Amino acid sequence: IDGAVDWRQLPEEILLQIFQYLPLLNRAFASQVCRGWNQTFHMPELWRCFEFEL
């Protein structure tokens, strides 16, 4: 498909910034999209400033 975006090919830095805006449950769902997104989900940088909501 011409002009289609392959979201799996996003640079890790960009993906990390996107993940930082997601609530915990949405991060978990996003981590199931592909191997690269799962690796981002497990990056320590993603969890440094995360506030857990109970």
C-alpha atoms as a PDB file:
ATOM      1  CA  ILE A   1       0.000   0.000   0.000  1.00  0.00           C
ATOM      2  CA  ASP A   2       1.523   3.301  -1.068  1.00  0.00           C
ATOM      3  CA  GLY A   3       1.948   5.830   1.720  1.00  0.00           C
ATOM      4  CA  ALA A   4       1.091   3.344   4.462  1.00  0.00           C
ATOM      5  CA  VAL A   5       2.924   3.684   7.756  1.00  0.00           C
ATOM      6  CA  ASP A   6       4.528   0.607   9.255  1.00  0.00           C
ATOM      7  CA  TRP A   7       4.173   1.360  12.980  1.00  0.00           C
ATOM      8  CA  ARG A   8       6.598  -1.462  13.785  1.00  0.00           C
ATOM      9  CA  GLN A   9       9.396   0.548  12.187  1.00  0.00           C
ATOM     10  CA  LEU A  10       9.158   3.579  14.481  1.00  0.00           C
ATOM     11  CA  PRO A  11      12.497   4.559  16.025  1.00  0.00           C
ATOM     12  CA  GLU A  12      12.837   3.308  19.595  1.00  0.00           C
ATOM     13  CA  GLU A  13      13.121   6.860  20.964  1.00  0.00           C
ATOM     14  CA  ILE A  14       9.791   7.866  19.403  1.00  0.00           C
ATOM     15  CA  LEU A  15       8.053   4.692  20.514  1.00  0.00           C
ATOM     16  CA  LEU A  16       9.345   5.209  24.047  1.00  0.00           C
ATOM     17  CA  GLN A  17       7.871   8.716  24.141  1.00  0.00           C
ATOM     18  CA  ILE A  18       4.502   7.432  22.905  1.00  0.00           C
ATOM     19  CA  PHE A  19       4.462   4.671  25.526  1.00  0.00           C
ATOM     20  CA  GLN A  20       5.151   7.231  28.271  1.00  0.00           C
ATOM     21  CA  TYR A  21       1.755   8.830  27.609  1.00  0.00           C
ATOM     22  CA  LEU A  22      -0.144   5.545  27.915  1.00  0.00           C
ATOM     23  CA  PRO A  23      -1.762   4.285  31.125  1.00  0.00           C
ATOM     24  CA  LEU A  24      -0.450   0.968  32.436  1.00  0.00           C
ATOM     25  CA  LEU A  25      -3.157  -1.250  30.904  1.00  0.00           C
ATOM     26  CA  ASN A  26      -2.769   0.358  27.471  1.00  0.00           C
ATOM     27  CA  ARG A  27       1.004  -0.090  27.675  1.00  0.00           C
ATOM     28  CA  ALA A  28       0.459  -3.776  28.330  1.00  0.00           C
ATOM     29  CA  PHE A  29      -1.912  -4.086  25.361  1.00  0.00           C
ATOM     30  CA  ALA A  30       0.503  -2.184  23.096  1.00  0.00           C
ATOM     31  CA  SER A  31       3.348  -4.469  24.140  1.00  0.00           C
ATOM     32  CA  GLN A  32       1.479  -7.341  22.488  1.00  0.00           C
ATOM     33  CA  VAL A  33       1.518  -5.734  19.028  1.00  0.00           C
ATOM     34  CA  CYS A  34       4.947  -6.976  18.008  1.00  0.00           C
ATOM     35  CA  ARG A  35       8.340  -7.984  19.365  1.00  0.00           C
ATOM     36  CA  GLY A  36       9.776  -4.466  19.054  1.00  0.00           C
ATOM     37  CA  TRP A  37       6.921  -2.908  21.016  1.00  0.00           C
ATOM     38  CA  ASN A  38       7.308  -5.583  23.672  1.00  0.00           C
ATOM     39  CA  GLN A  39      10.991  -4.722  23.993  1.00  0.00           C
ATOM     40  CA  THR A  40      10.060  -1.058  24.448  1.00  0.00           C
ATOM     41  CA  PHE A  41       7.568  -2.041  27.158  1.00  0.00           C
ATOM     42  CA  HIS A  42      10.402  -3.653  29.118  1.00  0.00           C
ATOM     43  CA  MET A  43      12.863  -0.758  28.818  1.00  0.00           C
ATOM     44  CA  PRO A  44      13.833   0.672  32.241  1.00  0.00           C
ATOM     45  CA  GLU A  45      13.599   4.200  30.810  1.00  0.00           C
ATOM     46  CA  LEU A  46       9.866   3.735  30.349  1.00  0.00           C
ATOM     47  CA  TRP A  47       9.260   3.065  34.030  1.00  0.00           C
ATOM     48  CA  ARG A  48      11.500   5.688  35.669  1.00  0.00           C
ATOM     49  CA  CYS A  49       8.818   8.378  35.865  1.00  0.00           C
ATOM     50  CA  PHE A  50       5.713   6.229  35.915  1.00  0.00           C
ATOM     51  CA  GLU A  51       3.089   6.883  38.580  1.00  0.00           C
ATOM     52  CA  PHE A  52       1.042   3.850  39.468  1.00  0.00           C
ATOM     53  CA  GLU A  53      -2.635   4.524  39.996  1.00  0.00           C
ATOM     54  CA  LEU A  54      -4.514   2.291  42.403  1.00  0.00           C
END
